[in-house]
Protein backbone atom coordinates (compact mmCIF):
# COMPACT_ATOMS: atom_id res chain seq x y z
CA MET A 1 68.46 91.57 -85.49
CA SER A 2 66.60 93.87 -87.69
CA ILE A 3 63.00 93.72 -88.18
CA GLU A 4 63.78 92.95 -91.94
CA LEU A 5 65.83 89.85 -91.11
CA LEU A 6 63.35 88.86 -88.51
CA ILE A 7 60.31 89.12 -91.24
CA GLU A 8 62.71 87.49 -93.76
CA HIS A 9 63.33 84.52 -91.21
CA TYR A 10 60.01 84.25 -89.34
CA GLY A 11 57.77 86.15 -91.50
CA LEU A 12 55.82 83.32 -93.20
CA LEU A 13 55.71 81.20 -89.80
CA ALA A 14 53.84 84.79 -88.28
CA ILE A 15 51.64 85.02 -91.01
CA PHE A 16 50.68 81.44 -90.63
CA LEU A 17 50.18 81.41 -87.13
CA GLY A 18 48.39 84.93 -87.06
CA ALA A 19 46.14 83.71 -89.72
CA ALA A 20 45.33 80.93 -87.61
CA PHE A 21 44.63 82.38 -84.38
CA GLU A 22 43.80 85.83 -85.20
CA GLY A 23 42.99 86.21 -88.86
CA GLU A 24 42.48 89.21 -91.08
CA THR A 25 45.11 91.51 -89.53
CA ALA A 26 47.90 89.05 -90.10
CA ALA A 27 46.91 88.40 -93.79
CA PHE A 28 46.62 92.06 -94.27
CA LEU A 29 50.21 92.58 -92.97
CA GLY A 30 51.50 89.75 -95.08
CA GLY A 31 50.28 91.82 -98.10
CA VAL A 32 52.03 95.04 -96.79
CA ILE A 33 55.10 92.88 -96.18
CA SER A 34 55.51 91.38 -99.48
CA HIS A 35 54.86 94.98 -101.01
CA ARG A 36 57.71 96.07 -99.20
CA GLY A 37 59.28 93.18 -101.08
CA LEU A 38 60.42 91.33 -97.80
CA LEU A 39 58.54 88.37 -98.84
CA THR A 40 56.96 87.46 -102.20
CA TYR A 41 52.91 87.84 -102.43
CA TRP A 42 52.30 84.41 -103.26
CA SER A 43 54.27 82.93 -100.53
CA ALA A 44 52.45 85.34 -97.82
CA SER A 45 48.96 84.67 -99.46
CA LEU A 46 49.75 80.98 -99.51
CA ALA A 47 50.75 81.32 -95.69
CA ALA A 48 47.61 83.36 -94.93
CA THR A 49 45.66 80.51 -96.60
CA ALA A 50 47.20 77.57 -94.86
CA GLY A 51 46.94 79.20 -91.42
CA SER A 52 43.10 80.04 -91.90
CA PHE A 53 42.75 76.58 -93.15
CA ALA A 54 44.69 74.98 -90.31
CA GLY A 55 42.96 77.18 -87.81
CA ASP A 56 39.35 76.39 -88.80
CA GLN A 57 40.20 72.95 -89.15
CA PHE A 58 41.71 72.66 -85.40
CA TRP A 59 38.32 74.28 -84.15
CA PHE A 60 36.16 71.97 -86.31
CA PHE A 61 37.94 69.01 -84.80
CA ALA A 62 37.64 70.71 -81.32
CA GLY A 63 33.89 70.68 -81.86
CA ARG A 64 33.80 67.27 -83.13
CA TYR A 65 36.08 65.40 -80.52
CA ALA A 66 36.84 67.66 -77.76
CA ALA A 67 33.24 69.08 -76.74
CA ARG A 68 33.88 68.78 -72.97
CA TRP A 69 37.39 70.73 -73.09
CA GLY A 70 36.84 73.83 -70.78
CA LEU A 71 38.11 76.13 -73.63
CA VAL A 72 35.54 74.60 -75.98
CA ARG A 73 32.48 74.79 -73.83
CA ARG A 74 33.40 78.24 -72.87
CA LEU A 75 33.42 79.13 -76.49
CA MET A 76 30.15 77.57 -77.01
CA GLU A 77 28.22 79.43 -74.67
CA ARG A 78 29.31 82.73 -76.21
CA PRO A 79 26.18 84.55 -77.65
CA ALA A 80 27.27 84.32 -80.98
CA LEU A 81 26.51 80.52 -80.93
CA ALA A 82 22.90 80.72 -81.60
CA ARG A 83 23.40 82.94 -84.45
CA ALA A 84 26.03 80.71 -85.88
CA THR A 85 23.76 77.61 -85.29
CA ARG A 86 20.61 79.29 -87.09
CA LEU A 87 22.82 80.36 -89.90
CA LEU A 88 24.35 76.87 -90.38
CA GLU A 89 21.04 75.16 -90.14
CA ARG A 90 19.53 77.35 -92.91
CA TYR A 91 22.58 77.44 -95.39
CA PRO A 92 25.23 74.75 -94.45
CA THR A 93 27.42 75.03 -97.40
CA GLY A 94 27.03 78.76 -97.88
CA PHE A 95 27.71 78.99 -94.17
CA ILE A 96 30.75 77.10 -94.27
CA LEU A 97 31.98 78.99 -97.41
CA ALA A 98 31.22 82.65 -95.65
CA PHE A 99 31.78 82.07 -91.79
CA ARG A 100 35.36 83.57 -91.79
CA PHE A 101 34.06 86.88 -93.41
CA LEU A 102 31.31 87.45 -90.89
CA VAL A 103 32.33 89.34 -87.77
CA GLY A 104 32.17 87.95 -84.46
CA LEU A 105 31.41 84.20 -86.00
CA ARG A 106 34.79 83.55 -87.05
CA THR A 107 35.95 81.11 -84.11
CA ILE A 108 32.80 79.72 -82.77
CA SER A 109 31.39 78.77 -86.42
CA PRO A 110 33.93 75.78 -87.14
CA ILE A 111 33.23 74.48 -83.54
CA VAL A 112 29.70 74.53 -84.25
CA ILE A 113 30.10 73.06 -87.33
CA GLY A 114 31.98 70.17 -85.87
CA THR A 115 29.25 69.26 -83.44
CA THR A 116 26.62 68.90 -86.43
CA ARG A 117 26.54 65.64 -88.55
CA ILE A 118 28.23 67.74 -91.48
CA ALA A 119 30.81 65.39 -92.94
CA THR A 120 34.23 65.97 -92.18
CA GLY A 121 35.39 65.54 -96.00
CA LYS A 122 32.82 68.09 -96.83
CA PHE A 123 34.06 70.40 -94.54
CA ILE A 124 37.71 69.85 -95.58
CA ILE A 125 36.87 70.75 -99.38
CA LEU A 126 34.63 73.89 -98.27
CA ASN A 127 37.11 75.26 -95.80
CA ALA A 128 39.86 74.78 -98.20
CA ALA A 129 37.92 76.59 -101.03
CA ALA A 130 36.91 79.60 -98.59
CA ALA A 131 40.22 79.71 -97.02
CA LEU A 132 41.81 80.22 -100.43
CA VAL A 133 39.59 82.99 -101.47
CA TRP A 134 40.06 84.66 -97.90
CA GLY A 135 43.72 84.23 -97.85
CA GLN A 136 44.13 85.79 -101.27
CA LEU A 137 41.57 88.51 -100.62
CA PHE A 138 42.97 89.86 -97.23
CA THR A 139 46.87 89.66 -98.47
CA ALA A 140 45.75 91.49 -101.45
CA LEU A 141 44.07 94.13 -99.70
CA GLY A 142 47.34 94.44 -97.65
CA TYR A 143 49.28 94.71 -100.80
CA LEU A 144 47.14 97.36 -102.40
CA PHE A 145 47.10 99.34 -98.89
CA GLY A 146 51.13 99.36 -98.88
CA HIS A 147 50.88 100.63 -102.34
CA GLY A 148 48.53 103.29 -101.38
CA ILE A 149 50.57 104.26 -98.39
CA GLN A 150 53.82 104.49 -100.73
CA GLN A 151 52.16 106.29 -103.48
CA THR A 152 50.45 108.80 -100.66
CA LEU A 153 53.61 109.07 -98.05
CA GLY A 154 56.48 107.91 -100.04
CA HIS A 155 58.88 104.98 -99.32
CA LEU A 156 58.67 104.95 -95.14
CA PRO A 157 61.04 103.16 -93.03
CA LEU A 158 59.55 99.64 -92.48
CA HIS A 159 58.40 100.06 -88.72
CA ARG A 160 56.23 103.13 -89.51
CA HIS A 161 54.56 101.54 -92.84
CA LEU A 162 53.77 98.69 -90.33
CA LEU A 163 52.33 100.91 -87.65
CA ILE A 164 49.98 102.73 -90.09
CA ALA A 165 48.98 99.36 -91.61
CA VAL A 166 48.09 97.95 -87.80
CA GLY A 167 46.48 101.22 -87.30
CA ALA A 168 44.23 101.05 -90.03
CA ALA A 169 43.39 97.53 -89.47
CA ALA A 170 42.38 98.21 -85.96
CA VAL A 171 40.44 101.17 -87.32
CA VAL A 172 38.57 98.86 -89.60
CA ALA A 173 38.12 96.28 -86.97
CA GLY A 174 36.68 98.44 -84.76
CA ALA A 175 34.40 99.91 -86.93
CA ALA A 176 33.17 96.49 -87.81
CA LEU A 177 32.46 95.92 -84.35
CA VAL A 178 30.67 99.07 -83.73
CA PHE A 179 28.43 98.28 -86.75
CA ARG A 180 27.81 94.69 -85.61
CA LYS A 181 26.60 96.04 -81.99
CA MET A 182 24.20 98.86 -83.81
CA LYS A 183 22.91 96.19 -85.86
CA LEU A 184 22.28 93.81 -83.03
CA ARG A 185 20.60 96.42 -81.04
CA ALA A 186 18.19 97.36 -84.04
CA ARG A 187 17.10 93.65 -84.34
CA PRO A 188 13.58 93.35 -82.78
CA SER A 189 13.71 90.83 -79.85
């Protein structure tokens, strides 16, 4: 089976699961794939939105109802927890809308939110709104990147196009992590 057929049959599921568990790279690649015409833009962006929403709802409920699970306890011991908690206490609504855009806080944040008294309904509504913006943004970035690659390098075979996109996403993610570490080191203790 060719990569094109795999994407046509399982691409939306892969974007959904990727957005739920990994995030930006899956949505970004969904945009690149939609640029290639293997999936529609709207189906790819909605799969990314739904995956992001579902993943964050899962972690929220894990914080709310499964705080004793080993996996949840290990995640709650991460250094990012204190930062997420401070931001949540200071700006509860803004934090819920923004956490998926903050490097290093994506997974831990909904768990932390789940351990608070924030109403489940409020989280669901804010999570849905933020997931919609996030899904559209990262899928659109992938679509535009795919267009830029095609304009610059011509119509490449799909596997090369995807490798360039994964490489670019890795470089951006690496740069974001380096920037975050530099920022954390620069903070006064």
